[in-house]
């Protein structure tokens, strides 16, 4: 999450984690939502930069990337738990 402050990163992470939790129909707490949202944003930005060569700018763009990254992380964790 380049270009935004720590407080906004935590708020966006919590929001992204909560949205991903609802999309993926999982049940996590607030702390896990924040963690999944922030890590999801890092993973999403890394993948987007590797594939496209850039990331989405602005707060809304970072929220979308964070939600998609968090959904990807939830799917990976679910897959690892079943294996």
N, C-alpha and C. Protein backbone atom coordinates (compact mmCIF):
# COMPACT_ATOMS: atom_id res chain seq x y z
N UNK A 1 0.84 -1.18 0.00
CA UNK A 1 0.00 0.00 0.00
C UNK A 1 0.88 1.24 0.00
N UNK A 2 1.40 1.51 -1.10
CA UNK A 2 2.32 2.61 -1.24
C UNK A 2 1.58 3.94 -1.28
N UNK A 3 2.07 4.89 -0.53
CA UNK A 3 1.53 6.23 -0.62
C UNK A 3 0.43 6.55 0.38
N UNK A 4 0.04 5.62 1.22
CA UNK A 4 -0.96 5.92 2.24
C UNK A 4 -0.33 5.70 3.61
N UNK A 5 -0.86 6.34 4.63
CA UNK A 5 -0.29 6.24 5.97
C UNK A 5 -0.67 4.94 6.66
N UNK A 6 -0.03 4.72 7.79
CA UNK A 6 -0.27 3.50 8.56
C UNK A 6 -1.71 3.39 9.05
N UNK A 7 -2.25 4.48 9.55
CA UNK A 7 -3.62 4.45 10.06
C UNK A 7 -4.62 4.13 8.94
N UNK A 8 -4.44 4.75 7.79
CA UNK A 8 -5.32 4.46 6.67
C UNK A 8 -5.12 3.04 6.16
N UNK A 9 -3.89 2.53 6.23
CA UNK A 9 -3.62 1.15 5.83
C UNK A 9 -4.35 0.17 6.74
N UNK A 10 -4.39 0.45 8.03
CA UNK A 10 -5.09 -0.42 8.97
C UNK A 10 -6.60 -0.35 8.73
N UNK A 11 -7.11 0.85 8.52
CA UNK A 11 -8.54 1.01 8.26
C UNK A 11 -8.93 0.31 6.96
N UNK A 12 -8.15 0.52 5.89
CA UNK A 12 -8.44 -0.15 4.61
C UNK A 12 -8.28 -1.66 4.75
N UNK A 13 -7.29 -2.10 5.52
CA UNK A 13 -7.09 -3.52 5.75
C UNK A 13 -8.28 -4.15 6.46
N UNK A 14 -8.79 -3.46 7.48
CA UNK A 14 -9.95 -3.98 8.19
C UNK A 14 -11.17 -4.04 7.29
N UNK A 15 -11.37 -3.00 6.51
CA UNK A 15 -12.50 -2.96 5.59
C UNK A 15 -12.37 -4.03 4.51
N UNK A 16 -11.19 -4.15 3.95
CA UNK A 16 -10.95 -5.16 2.92
C UNK A 16 -11.12 -6.56 3.47
N UNK A 17 -10.60 -6.80 4.68
CA UNK A 17 -10.76 -8.11 5.31
C UNK A 17 -12.22 -8.43 5.59
N UNK A 18 -12.97 -7.43 6.03
CA UNK A 18 -14.40 -7.65 6.30
C UNK A 18 -15.16 -7.96 5.02
N UNK A 19 -14.87 -7.21 3.95
CA UNK A 19 -15.54 -7.45 2.67
C UNK A 19 -15.18 -8.83 2.14
N UNK A 20 -13.91 -9.20 2.23
CA UNK A 20 -13.48 -10.52 1.77
C UNK A 20 -14.13 -11.62 2.61
N UNK A 21 -14.27 -11.37 3.91
CA UNK A 21 -14.93 -12.33 4.80
C UNK A 21 -16.37 -12.57 4.35
N UNK A 22 -17.07 -11.51 3.98
CA UNK A 22 -18.46 -11.65 3.53
C UNK A 22 -18.53 -12.33 2.17
N UNK A 23 -17.61 -11.98 1.25
CA UNK A 23 -17.61 -12.59 -0.09
C UNK A 23 -17.31 -14.08 0.00
N UNK A 24 -16.33 -14.44 0.82
CA UNK A 24 -15.89 -15.83 0.91
C UNK A 24 -16.68 -16.63 1.94
N UNK A 25 -17.64 -16.00 2.61
CA UNK A 25 -18.49 -16.66 3.60
C UNK A 25 -17.67 -17.37 4.67
N UNK A 26 -16.77 -16.62 5.29
CA UNK A 26 -15.97 -17.16 6.38
C UNK A 26 -16.28 -16.37 7.64
N UNK A 27 -15.76 -16.82 8.76
CA UNK A 27 -16.04 -16.18 10.04
C UNK A 27 -14.73 -15.92 10.75
N UNK A 28 -14.25 -14.67 10.69
CA UNK A 28 -13.01 -14.28 11.35
C UNK A 28 -13.31 -13.09 12.25
N UNK A 29 -12.41 -12.82 13.15
CA UNK A 29 -12.57 -11.67 14.03
C UNK A 29 -11.98 -10.41 13.42
N UNK A 30 -12.09 -9.31 14.15
CA UNK A 30 -11.62 -8.01 13.67
C UNK A 30 -10.11 -8.02 13.42
N UNK A 31 -9.34 -8.57 14.35
CA UNK A 31 -7.89 -8.60 14.19
C UNK A 31 -7.50 -9.41 12.95
N UNK A 32 -8.14 -10.55 12.75
CA UNK A 32 -7.83 -11.36 11.58
C UNK A 32 -8.26 -10.67 10.30
N UNK A 33 -9.36 -9.91 10.32
CA UNK A 33 -9.77 -9.12 9.16
C UNK A 33 -8.71 -8.10 8.80
N UNK A 34 -8.17 -7.42 9.80
CA UNK A 34 -7.13 -6.42 9.55
C UNK A 34 -5.90 -7.09 8.96
N UNK A 35 -5.48 -8.18 9.56
CA UNK A 35 -4.28 -8.90 9.08
C UNK A 35 -4.49 -9.40 7.66
N UNK A 36 -5.63 -10.04 7.40
CA UNK A 36 -5.89 -10.57 6.06
C UNK A 36 -6.01 -9.44 5.03
N UNK A 37 -6.59 -8.33 5.42
CA UNK A 37 -6.72 -7.20 4.50
C UNK A 37 -5.37 -6.59 4.15
N UNK A 38 -4.51 -6.41 5.14
CA UNK A 38 -3.20 -5.81 4.88
C UNK A 38 -2.32 -6.77 4.10
N UNK A 39 -2.28 -8.03 4.51
CA UNK A 39 -1.48 -9.01 3.77
C UNK A 39 -2.07 -9.21 2.37
N UNK A 40 -3.38 -9.20 2.27
CA UNK A 40 -4.03 -9.31 0.97
C UNK A 40 -3.66 -8.16 0.05
N UNK A 41 -3.55 -6.96 0.61
CA UNK A 41 -3.14 -5.80 -0.19
C UNK A 41 -1.71 -5.96 -0.68
N UNK A 42 -0.84 -6.45 0.18
CA UNK A 42 0.55 -6.65 -0.22
C UNK A 42 0.64 -7.70 -1.32
N UNK A 43 -0.05 -8.83 -1.12
CA UNK A 43 -0.04 -9.90 -2.12
C UNK A 43 -0.68 -9.42 -3.42
N UNK A 44 -1.82 -8.76 -3.33
CA UNK A 44 -2.51 -8.27 -4.52
C UNK A 44 -1.68 -7.27 -5.30
N UNK A 45 -1.03 -6.34 -4.59
CA UNK A 45 -0.18 -5.35 -5.26
C UNK A 45 1.03 -6.02 -5.89
N UNK A 46 1.61 -7.00 -5.21
CA UNK A 46 2.76 -7.72 -5.77
C UNK A 46 2.37 -8.44 -7.05
N UNK A 47 1.25 -9.17 -7.02
CA UNK A 47 0.81 -9.90 -8.21
C UNK A 47 0.44 -8.96 -9.35
N UNK A 48 -0.26 -7.90 -9.03
CA UNK A 48 -0.66 -6.94 -10.05
C UNK A 48 0.56 -6.26 -10.68
N UNK A 49 1.53 -5.92 -9.85
CA UNK A 49 2.75 -5.31 -10.37
C UNK A 49 3.54 -6.29 -11.23
N UNK A 50 3.57 -7.57 -10.82
CA UNK A 50 4.30 -8.58 -11.59
C UNK A 50 3.63 -8.87 -12.92
N UNK A 51 2.31 -8.85 -12.96
CA UNK A 51 1.58 -9.19 -14.19
C UNK A 51 1.45 -8.00 -15.12
N UNK A 52 1.02 -6.87 -14.57
CA UNK A 52 0.69 -5.70 -15.40
C UNK A 52 1.84 -4.69 -15.44
N UNK A 53 2.64 -4.65 -14.41
CA UNK A 53 3.71 -3.68 -14.35
C UNK A 53 3.36 -2.44 -13.55
N UNK A 54 2.22 -2.45 -12.89
CA UNK A 54 1.79 -1.32 -12.07
C UNK A 54 0.63 -1.75 -11.20
N UNK A 55 0.24 -0.88 -10.31
CA UNK A 55 -0.90 -1.19 -9.43
C UNK A 55 -1.97 -0.13 -9.62
N UNK A 56 -3.10 -0.36 -8.99
CA UNK A 56 -4.21 0.59 -9.05
C UNK A 56 -3.93 1.71 -8.05
N UNK A 57 -4.14 2.93 -8.46
CA UNK A 57 -3.87 4.06 -7.60
C UNK A 57 -5.11 4.49 -6.83
N UNK A 58 -4.89 5.29 -5.83
CA UNK A 58 -5.98 5.84 -5.03
C UNK A 58 -6.47 4.88 -3.97
N UNK A 59 -7.28 5.42 -3.10
CA UNK A 59 -7.79 4.62 -1.99
C UNK A 59 -8.74 3.54 -2.48
N UNK A 60 -9.64 3.87 -3.40
CA UNK A 60 -10.59 2.89 -3.91
C UNK A 60 -9.87 1.77 -4.66
N UNK A 61 -8.87 2.12 -5.45
CA UNK A 61 -8.10 1.10 -6.17
C UNK A 61 -7.38 0.17 -5.22
N UNK A 62 -6.79 0.74 -4.17
CA UNK A 62 -6.11 -0.09 -3.18
C UNK A 62 -7.08 -0.96 -2.41
N UNK A 63 -8.29 -0.48 -2.17
CA UNK A 63 -9.30 -1.29 -1.50
C UNK A 63 -9.68 -2.48 -2.37
N UNK A 64 -9.86 -2.26 -3.65
CA UNK A 64 -10.20 -3.36 -4.56
C UNK A 64 -9.08 -4.39 -4.59
N UNK A 65 -7.85 -3.95 -4.70
CA UNK A 65 -6.70 -4.86 -4.71
C UNK A 65 -6.61 -5.62 -3.39
N UNK A 66 -6.83 -4.94 -2.28
CA UNK A 66 -6.77 -5.59 -0.97
C UNK A 66 -7.87 -6.63 -0.81
N UNK A 67 -9.06 -6.33 -1.28
CA UNK A 67 -10.17 -7.30 -1.18
C UNK A 67 -9.85 -8.53 -2.02
N UNK A 68 -9.39 -8.33 -3.24
CA UNK A 68 -9.06 -9.47 -4.10
C UNK A 68 -7.92 -10.29 -3.51
N UNK A 69 -6.91 -9.62 -2.98
CA UNK A 69 -5.80 -10.34 -2.34
C UNK A 69 -6.24 -11.10 -1.11
N UNK A 70 -7.11 -10.52 -0.30
CA UNK A 70 -7.61 -11.20 0.90
C UNK A 70 -8.47 -12.39 0.52
N UNK A 71 -9.29 -12.26 -0.53
CA UNK A 71 -10.08 -13.40 -1.00
C UNK A 71 -9.17 -14.53 -1.47
N UNK A 72 -8.11 -14.17 -2.16
CA UNK A 72 -7.14 -15.17 -2.61
C UNK A 72 -6.49 -15.87 -1.42
N UNK A 73 -6.12 -15.11 -0.40
CA UNK A 73 -5.53 -15.71 0.80
C UNK A 73 -6.50 -16.64 1.52
N UNK A 74 -7.74 -16.24 1.64
CA UNK A 74 -8.75 -17.09 2.28
C UNK A 74 -8.90 -18.39 1.51
N UNK A 75 -8.93 -18.31 0.18
CA UNK A 75 -9.05 -19.52 -0.64
C UNK A 75 -7.84 -20.42 -0.48
N UNK A 76 -6.65 -19.84 -0.40
CA UNK A 76 -5.44 -20.64 -0.21
C UNK A 76 -5.46 -21.33 1.15
N UNK A 77 -5.84 -20.61 2.20
CA UNK A 77 -5.89 -21.20 3.54
C UNK A 77 -6.92 -22.32 3.58
N UNK A 78 -8.06 -22.12 2.96
CA UNK A 78 -9.07 -23.19 2.92
C UNK A 78 -8.53 -24.42 2.18
N UNK A 79 -7.83 -24.20 1.09
CA UNK A 79 -7.26 -25.31 0.34
C UNK A 79 -6.21 -26.06 1.14
N UNK A 80 -5.39 -25.34 1.90
CA UNK A 80 -4.37 -26.00 2.71
C UNK A 80 -4.97 -26.76 3.88
N UNK A 81 -6.05 -26.26 4.43
CA UNK A 81 -6.69 -26.97 5.55
C UNK A 81 -7.33 -28.28 5.11
N UNK A 82 -7.81 -28.33 3.88
CA UNK A 82 -8.45 -29.55 3.39
C UNK A 82 -7.43 -30.59 2.94
N UNK A 83 -6.23 -30.17 2.63
CA UNK A 83 -5.21 -31.11 2.14
C UNK A 83 -4.60 -31.90 3.27
